[in-house]
PDB file of N, CA and C in Angstrom:
ATOM      1  N   MET A   1     100.905 -71.065 127.009  1.00  0.00           N
ATOM      2  CA  MET A   1     100.255 -69.872 126.502  1.00  0.00           C
ATOM      3  C   MET A   1      98.902 -70.263 125.915  1.00  0.00           C
ATOM      4  N   SER A   2      97.823 -69.768 126.507  1.00  0.00           N
ATOM      5  CA  SER A   2      96.483 -70.090 126.024  1.00  0.00           C
ATOM      6  C   SER A   2      95.884 -68.856 125.347  1.00  0.00           C
ATOM      7  N   LYS A   3      95.398 -69.074 124.163  1.00  0.00           N
ATOM      8  CA  LYS A   3      94.738 -67.986 123.440  1.00  0.00           C
ATOM      9  C   LYS A   3      93.288 -67.912 123.872  1.00  0.00           C
ATOM     10  N   LYS A   4      92.791 -66.708 124.010  1.00  0.00           N
ATOM     11  CA  LYS A   4      91.390 -66.526 124.364  1.00  0.00           C
ATOM     12  C   LYS A   4      90.531 -66.789 123.132  1.00  0.00           C
ATOM     13  N   SER A   5      89.348 -67.334 123.363  1.00  0.00           N
ATOM     14  CA  SER A   5      88.469 -67.640 122.241  1.00  0.00           C
ATOM     15  C   SER A   5      87.831 -66.356 121.697  1.00  0.00           C
ATOM     16  N   ILE A   6      87.370 -66.459 120.477  1.00  0.00           N
ATOM     17  CA  ILE A   6      86.755 -65.310 119.816  1.00  0.00           C
ATOM     18  C   ILE A   6      85.313 -65.162 120.293  1.00  0.00           C
ATOM     19  N   ASN A   7      84.964 -63.956 120.684  1.00  0.00           N
ATOM     20  CA  ASN A   7      83.585 -63.629 121.046  1.00  0.00           C
ATOM     21  C   ASN A   7      82.877 -63.227 119.753  1.00  0.00           C
ATOM     22  N   TRP A   8      82.100 -64.154 119.186  1.00  0.00           N
ATOM     23  CA  TRP A   8      81.513 -63.940 117.867  1.00  0.00           C
ATOM     24  C   TRP A   8      80.458 -62.843 117.858  1.00  0.00           C
ATOM     25  N   ASN A   9      79.782 -62.645 118.987  1.00  0.00           N
ATOM     26  CA  ASN A   9      78.801 -61.554 119.041  1.00  0.00           C
ATOM     27  C   ASN A   9      79.486 -60.207 118.860  1.00  0.00           C
ATOM     28  N   ASN A  10      80.597 -59.997 119.567  1.00  0.00           N
ATOM     29  CA  ASN A  10      81.338 -58.744 119.427  1.00  0.00           C
ATOM     30  C   ASN A  10      81.961 -58.624 118.043  1.00  0.00           C
ATOM     31  N   ALA A  11      82.466 -59.737 117.498  1.00  0.00           N
ATOM     32  CA  ALA A  11      83.099 -59.702 116.170  1.00  0.00           C
ATOM     33  C   ALA A  11      82.091 -59.310 115.097  1.00  0.00           C
ATOM     34  N   ILE A  12      80.899 -59.895 115.161  1.00  0.00           N
ATOM     35  CA  ILE A  12      79.874 -59.570 114.172  1.00  0.00           C
ATOM     36  C   ILE A  12      79.433 -58.115 114.319  1.00  0.00           C
ATOM     37  N   THR A  13      79.326 -57.652 115.555  1.00  0.00           N
ATOM     38  CA  THR A  13      78.929 -56.258 115.786  1.00  0.00           C
ATOM     39  C   THR A  13      79.952 -55.297 115.207  1.00  0.00           C
ATOM     40  N   VAL A  14      81.236 -55.534 115.479  1.00  0.00           N
ATOM     41  CA  VAL A  14      82.287 -54.634 114.995  1.00  0.00           C
ATOM     42  C   VAL A  14      82.360 -54.650 113.469  1.00  0.00           C
ATOM     43  N   VAL A  15      82.268 -55.825 112.875  1.00  0.00           N
ATOM     44  CA  VAL A  15      82.332 -55.914 111.410  1.00  0.00           C
ATOM     45  C   VAL A  15      81.123 -55.218 110.776  1.00  0.00           C
ATOM     46  N   SER A  16      79.942 -55.431 111.337  1.00  0.00           N
ATOM     47  CA  SER A  16      78.740 -54.808 110.777  1.00  0.00           C
ATOM     48  C   SER A  16      78.803 -53.287 110.864  1.00  0.00           C
ATOM     49  N   VAL A  17      79.208 -52.788 112.019  1.00  0.00           N
ATOM     50  CA  VAL A  17      79.286 -51.334 112.183  1.00  0.00           C
ATOM     51  C   VAL A  17      80.395 -50.753 111.309  1.00  0.00           C
ATOM     52  N   ALA A  18      81.502 -51.487 111.171  1.00  0.00           N
ATOM     53  CA  ALA A  18      82.595 -51.008 110.318  1.00  0.00           C
ATOM     54  C   ALA A  18      82.140 -50.898 108.868  1.00  0.00           C
ATOM     55  N   ILE A  19      81.340 -51.849 108.400  1.00  0.00           N
ATOM     56  CA  ILE A  19      80.831 -51.785 107.029  1.00  0.00           C
ATOM     57  C   ILE A  19      79.886 -50.601 106.868  1.00  0.00           C
ATOM     58  N   LEU A  20      78.975 -50.431 107.819  1.00  0.00           N
ATOM     59  CA  LEU A  20      78.006 -49.344 107.734  1.00  0.00           C
ATOM     60  C   LEU A  20      78.689 -47.975 107.797  1.00  0.00           C
ATOM     61  N   VAL A  21      79.493 -47.764 108.819  1.00  0.00           N
ATOM     62  CA  VAL A  21      80.152 -46.467 108.998  1.00  0.00           C
ATOM     63  C   VAL A  21      81.205 -46.245 107.918  1.00  0.00           C
ATOM     64  N   GLY A  22      81.898 -47.301 107.534  1.00  0.00           N
ATOM     65  CA  GLY A  22      82.915 -47.178 106.489  1.00  0.00           C
ATOM     66  C   GLY A  22      82.335 -46.732 105.168  1.00  0.00           C
ATOM     67  N   THR A  23      81.201 -47.302 104.790  1.00  0.00           N
ATOM     68  CA  THR A  23      80.543 -46.900 103.550  1.00  0.00           C
ATOM     69  C   THR A  23      80.148 -45.431 103.593  1.00  0.00           C
ATOM     70  N   GLU A  24      79.611 -45.017 104.732  1.00  0.00           N
ATOM     71  CA  GLU A  24      79.190 -43.621 104.854  1.00  0.00           C
ATOM     72  C   GLU A  24      80.380 -42.665 104.838  1.00  0.00           C
ATOM     73  N   LEU A  25      81.436 -42.998 105.571  1.00  0.00           N
ATOM     74  CA  LEU A  25      82.594 -42.094 105.638  1.00  0.00           C
ATOM     75  C   LEU A  25      83.313 -41.983 104.300  1.00  0.00           C
ATOM     76  N   VAL A  26      83.551 -43.115 103.655  1.00  0.00           N
ATOM     77  CA  VAL A  26      84.258 -43.072 102.373  1.00  0.00           C
ATOM     78  C   VAL A  26      83.390 -42.385 101.320  1.00  0.00           C
ATOM     79  N   GLY A  27      82.096 -42.693 101.298  1.00  0.00           N
ATOM     80  CA  GLY A  27      81.194 -42.038 100.344  1.00  0.00           C
ATOM     81  C   GLY A  27      81.113 -40.541 100.562  1.00  0.00           C
ATOM     82  N   LEU A  28      81.017 -40.144 101.827  1.00  0.00           N
ATOM     83  CA  LEU A  28      80.949 -38.721 102.149  1.00  0.00           C
ATOM     84  C   LEU A  28      82.229 -37.994 101.743  1.00  0.00           C
ATOM     85  N   SER A  29      83.373 -38.562 102.092  1.00  0.00           N
ATOM     86  CA  SER A  29      84.626 -37.878 101.784  1.00  0.00           C
ATOM     87  C   SER A  29      84.898 -37.868 100.275  1.00  0.00           C
ATOM     88  N   TRP A  30      84.517 -38.921  99.567  1.00  0.00           N
ATOM     89  CA  TRP A  30      84.694 -38.953  98.112  1.00  0.00           C
ATOM     90  C   TRP A  30      83.779 -37.912  97.450  1.00  0.00           C
ATOM     91  N   ALA A  31      82.538 -37.841  97.924  1.00  0.00           N
ATOM     92  CA  ALA A  31      81.593 -36.866  97.363  1.00  0.00           C
ATOM     93  C   ALA A  31      82.019 -35.435  97.682  1.00  0.00           C
ATOM     94  N   ALA A  32      82.585 -35.227  98.851  1.00  0.00           N
ATOM     95  CA  ALA A  32      83.074 -33.887  99.200  1.00  0.00           C
ATOM     96  C   ALA A  32      84.223 -33.482  98.275  1.00  0.00           C
ATOM     97  N   GLY A  33      85.099 -34.422  97.955  1.00  0.00           N
ATOM     98  CA  GLY A  33      86.174 -34.134  97.001  1.00  0.00           C
ATOM     99  C   GLY A  33      85.625 -33.793  95.629  1.00  0.00           C
ATOM    100  N   TRP A  34      84.608 -34.528  95.187  1.00  0.00           N
ATOM    101  CA  TRP A  34      83.984 -34.257  93.895  1.00  0.00           C
ATOM    102  C   TRP A  34      83.321 -32.873  93.902  1.00  0.00           C
ATOM    103  N   ALA A  35      82.608 -32.561  94.994  1.00  0.00           N
ATOM    104  CA  ALA A  35      81.914 -31.275  95.075  1.00  0.00           C
ATOM    105  C   ALA A  35      82.903 -30.110  95.110  1.00  0.00           C
ATOM    106  N   LEU A  36      83.986 -30.258  95.847  1.00  0.00           N
ATOM    107  CA  LEU A  36      84.991 -29.192  95.894  1.00  0.00           C
ATOM    108  C   LEU A  36      85.637 -28.979  94.535  1.00  0.00           C
ATOM    109  N   GLY A  37      85.916 -30.073  93.836  1.00  0.00           N
ATOM    110  CA  GLY A  37      86.485 -29.946  92.498  1.00  0.00           C
ATOM    111  C   GLY A  37      85.561 -29.208  91.552  1.00  0.00           C
ATOM    112  N   GLY A  38      84.267 -29.505  91.608  1.00  0.00           N
ATOM    113  CA  GLY A  38      83.305 -28.824  90.744  1.00  0.00           C
ATOM    114  C   GLY A  38      83.045 -27.390  91.173  1.00  0.00           C
ATOM    115  N   LEU A  39      82.982 -27.169  92.473  1.00  0.00           N
ATOM    116  CA  LEU A  39      82.700 -25.834  92.988  1.00  0.00           C
ATOM    117  C   LEU A  39      83.833 -24.859  92.673  1.00  0.00           C
ATOM    118  N   LEU A  40      85.063 -25.356  92.759  1.00  0.00           N
ATOM    119  CA  LEU A  40      86.215 -24.495  92.495  1.00  0.00           C
ATOM    120  C   LEU A  40      86.595 -24.459  91.017  1.00  0.00           C
ATOM    121  N   GLY A  41      85.897 -25.221  90.185  1.00  0.00           N
ATOM    122  CA  GLY A  41      86.172 -25.221  88.752  1.00  0.00           C
ATOM    123  C   GLY A  41      87.543 -25.777  88.404  1.00  0.00           C
ATOM    124  N   LEU A  42      87.948 -26.827  89.109  1.00  0.00           N
ATOM    125  CA  LEU A  42      89.270 -27.421  88.876  1.00  0.00           C
ATOM    126  C   LEU A  42      89.257 -28.270  87.605  1.00  0.00           C
ATOM    127  N   PRO A  43      90.405 -28.408  86.968  1.00  0.00           N
ATOM    128  CA  PRO A  43      90.494 -29.311  85.815  1.00  0.00           C
ATOM    129  C   PRO A  43      90.169 -30.744  86.251  1.00  0.00           C
ATOM    130  N   PRO A  44      89.726 -31.572  85.324  1.00  0.00           N
ATOM    131  CA  PRO A  44      89.303 -32.938  85.694  1.00  0.00           C
ATOM    132  C   PRO A  44      90.379 -33.751  86.418  1.00  0.00           C
ATOM    133  N   ILE A  45      91.625 -33.630  86.015  1.00  0.00           N
ATOM    134  CA  ILE A  45      92.676 -34.434  86.649  1.00  0.00           C
ATOM    135  C   ILE A  45      92.921 -33.968  88.088  1.00  0.00           C
ATOM    136  N   VAL A  46      92.845 -32.665  88.314  1.00  0.00           N
ATOM    137  CA  VAL A  46      93.020 -32.137  89.665  1.00  0.00           C
ATOM    138  C   VAL A  46      91.814 -32.507  90.524  1.00  0.00           C
ATOM    139  N   SER A  47      90.634 -32.445  89.937  1.00  0.00           N
ATOM    140  CA  SER A  47      89.419 -32.830  90.652  1.00  0.00           C
ATOM    141  C   SER A  47      89.475 -34.300  91.056  1.00  0.00           C
ATOM    142  N   LEU A  48      89.981 -35.143  90.172  1.00  0.00           N
ATOM    143  CA  LEU A  48      90.150 -36.561  90.494  1.00  0.00           C
ATOM    144  C   LEU A  48      91.143 -36.736  91.644  1.00  0.00           C
ATOM    145  N   GLY A  49      92.200 -35.963  91.644  1.00  0.00           N
ATOM    146  CA  GLY A  49      93.165 -36.020  92.746  1.00  0.00           C
ATOM    147  C   GLY A  49      92.532 -35.630  94.070  1.00  0.00           C
ATOM    148  N   VAL A  50      91.675 -34.616  94.048  1.00  0.00           N
ATOM    149  CA  VAL A  50      90.982 -34.193  95.272  1.00  0.00           C
ATOM    150  C   VAL A  50      90.033 -35.301  95.739  1.00  0.00           C
ATOM    151  N   GLU A  51      89.365 -35.966  94.798  1.00  0.00           N
ATOM    152  CA  GLU A  51      88.482 -37.081  95.144  1.00  0.00           C
ATOM    153  C   GLU A  51      89.267 -38.227  95.776  1.00  0.00           C
ATOM    154  N   ILE A  52      90.419 -38.540  95.215  1.00  0.00           N
ATOM    155  CA  ILE A  52      91.244 -39.634  95.741  1.00  0.00           C
ATOM    156  C   ILE A  52      91.743 -39.300  97.135  1.00  0.00           C
ATOM    157  N   VAL A  53      92.185 -38.072  97.340  1.00  0.00           N
ATOM    158  CA  VAL A  53      92.626 -37.652  98.677  1.00  0.00           C
ATOM    159  C   VAL A  53      91.461 -37.747  99.663  1.00  0.00           C
ATOM    160  N   GLY A  54      90.267 -37.346  99.237  1.00  0.00           N
ATOM    161  CA  GLY A  54      89.088 -37.463 100.089  1.00  0.00           C
ATOM    162  C   GLY A  54      88.766 -38.909 100.426  1.00  0.00           C
ATOM    163  N   GLY A  55      88.861 -39.791  99.441  1.00  0.00           N
ATOM    164  CA  GLY A  55      88.618 -41.216  99.683  1.00  0.00           C
ATOM    165  C   GLY A  55      89.628 -41.818 100.639  1.00  0.00           C
ATOM    166  N   LEU A  56      90.894 -41.438 100.484  1.00  0.00           N
ATOM    167  CA  LEU A  56      91.925 -41.936 101.404  1.00  0.00           C
ATOM    168  C   LEU A  56      91.717 -41.409 102.814  1.00  0.00           C
ATOM    169  N   LEU A  57      91.281 -40.170 102.921  1.00  0.00           N
ATOM    170  CA  LEU A  57      90.966 -39.620 104.238  1.00  0.00           C
ATOM    171  C   LEU A  57      89.811 -40.397 104.885  1.00  0.00           C
ATOM    172  N   GLY A  58      88.822 -40.757 104.089  1.00  0.00           N
ATOM    173  CA  GLY A  58      87.712 -41.565 104.596  1.00  0.00           C
ATOM    174  C   GLY A  58      88.181 -42.919 105.092  1.00  0.00           C
ATOM    175  N   LEU A  59      89.081 -43.558 104.353  1.00  0.00           N
ATOM    176  CA  LEU A  59      89.622 -44.852 104.787  1.00  0.00           C
ATOM    177  C   LEU A  59      90.419 -44.722 106.079  1.00  0.00           C
ATOM    178  N   LEU A  60      91.153 -43.628 106.209  1.00  0.00           N
ATOM    179  CA  LEU A  60      91.901 -43.397 107.446  1.00  0.00           C
ATOM    180  C   LEU A  60      90.947 -43.229 108.625  1.00  0.00           C
ATOM    181  N   LEU A  61      89.867 -42.517 108.427  1.00  0.00           N
ATOM    182  CA  LEU A  61      88.874 -42.350 109.483  1.00  0.00           C
ATOM    183  C   LEU A  61      88.220 -43.677 109.852  1.00  0.00           C
ATOM    184  N   VAL A  62      87.987 -44.537 108.872  1.00  0.00           N
ATOM    185  CA  VAL A  62      87.429 -45.862 109.149  1.00  0.00           C
ATOM    186  C   VAL A  62      88.406 -46.676 109.996  1.00  0.00           C
ATOM    187  N   TYR A  63      89.677 -46.594 109.691  1.00  0.00           N
ATOM    188  CA  TYR A  63      90.699 -47.310 110.466  1.00  0.00           C
ATOM    189  C   TYR A  63      90.665 -46.895 111.932  1.00  0.00           C
ATOM    190  N   TYR A  64      90.637 -45.585 112.177  1.00  0.00           N
ATOM    191  CA  TYR A  64      90.596 -45.111 113.560  1.00  0.00           C
ATOM    192  C   TYR A  64      89.271 -45.463 114.230  1.00  0.00           C
ATOM    193  N   PHE A  65      88.193 -45.476 113.483  1.00  0.00           N
ATOM    194  CA  PHE A  65      86.911 -45.858 114.053  1.00  0.00           C
ATOM    195  C   PHE A  65      86.925 -47.322 114.491  1.00  0.00           C
ATOM    196  N   VAL A  66      87.467 -48.195 113.659  1.00  0.00           N
ATOM    197  CA  VAL A  66      87.513 -49.621 114.003  1.00  0.00           C
ATOM    198  C   VAL A  66      88.416 -49.846 115.213  1.00  0.00           C
ATOM    199  N   ARG A  67      89.524 -49.139 115.289  1.00  0.00           N
ATOM    200  CA  ARG A  67      90.383 -49.259 116.478  1.00  0.00           C
ATOM    201  C   ARG A  67      89.634 -48.871 117.740  1.00  0.00           C
ATOM    202  N   ALA A  68      88.870 -47.787 117.687  1.00  0.00           N
ATOM    203  CA  ALA A  68      88.099 -47.358 118.852  1.00  0.00           C
ATOM    204  C   ALA A  68      86.984 -48.363 119.160  1.00  0.00           C
ATOM    205  N   ALA A  69      86.357 -48.907 118.132  1.00  0.00           N
ATOM    206  CA  ALA A  69      85.286 -49.883 118.345  1.00  0.00           C
ATOM    207  C   ALA A  69      85.818 -51.154 118.992  1.00  0.00           C
ATOM    208  N   LEU A  70      87.031 -51.563 118.648  1.00  0.00           N
ATOM    209  CA  LEU A  70      87.612 -52.765 119.243  1.00  0.00           C
ATOM    210  C   LEU A  70      87.976 -52.563 120.708  1.00  0.00           C
ATOM    211  N   LYS A  71      88.203 -51.339 121.117  1.00  0.00           N
ATOM    212  CA  LYS A  71      88.448 -51.084 122.537  1.00  0.00           C
ATOM    213  C   LYS A  71      87.160 -51.242 123.338  1.00  0.00           C
ATOM    214  N   VAL A  72      86.024 -50.866 122.751  1.00  0.00           N
ATOM    215  CA  VAL A  72      84.747 -50.959 123.435  1.00  0.00           C
ATOM    216  C   VAL A  72      84.190 -52.391 123.351  1.00  0.00           C
ATOM    217  N   GLU A  73      84.324 -53.014 122.205  1.00  0.00           N
ATOM    218  CA  GLU A  73      83.827 -54.375 121.979  1.00  0.00           C
ATOM    219  C   GLU A  73      84.996 -55.281 121.621  1.00  0.00           C
ATOM    220  N   PRO A  74      85.765 -55.753 122.618  1.00  0.00           N
ATOM    221  CA  PRO A  74      86.927 -56.608 122.303  1.00  0.00           C
ATOM    222  C   PRO A  74      86.486 -57.930 121.683  1.00  0.00           C
ATOM    223  N   ILE A  75      87.192 -58.361 120.666  1.00  0.00           N
ATOM    224  CA  ILE A  75      86.839 -59.602 119.985  1.00  0.00           C
ATOM    225  C   ILE A  75      87.322 -60.813 120.771  1.00  0.00           C
ATOM    226  N   ARG A  76      88.491 -60.719 121.340  1.00  0.00           N
ATOM    227  CA  ARG A  76      89.015 -61.841 122.145  1.00  0.00           C
ATOM    228  C   ARG A  76      88.762 -61.594 123.616  1.00  0.00           C
ATOM    229  N   GLY A  77      88.257 -62.623 124.282  1.00  0.00           N
ATOM    230  CA  GLY A  77      88.099 -62.497 125.729  1.00  0.00           C
ATOM    231  C   GLY A  77      86.716 -62.691 126.222  1.00  0.00           C
TER     232      GLY A  77
END
C-alpha cells in the first residue's frame, strides 16, 4: 500500500482560502446574530444565544466549503 505524496501547492491554496472565507463567513454570521438581537430588542442573554447560533452556522458553512474545495483541489495525488 503506497500513500500518495502531499501536493503542497494545493494544500497551501486550500488552507489560505479556508482562512479567508472562514473569517468572512463566521464574522458575517456572528454580526447577523448581533444585529438581529438588537433589531428585535431581545434581552442580552437571548441576543448572545442568537450570536452563538449564528457563529456555529458560520462554522458549519466553512466545513462544507472546505469539503467542496478539497474536491476541486485534492491535497493527495
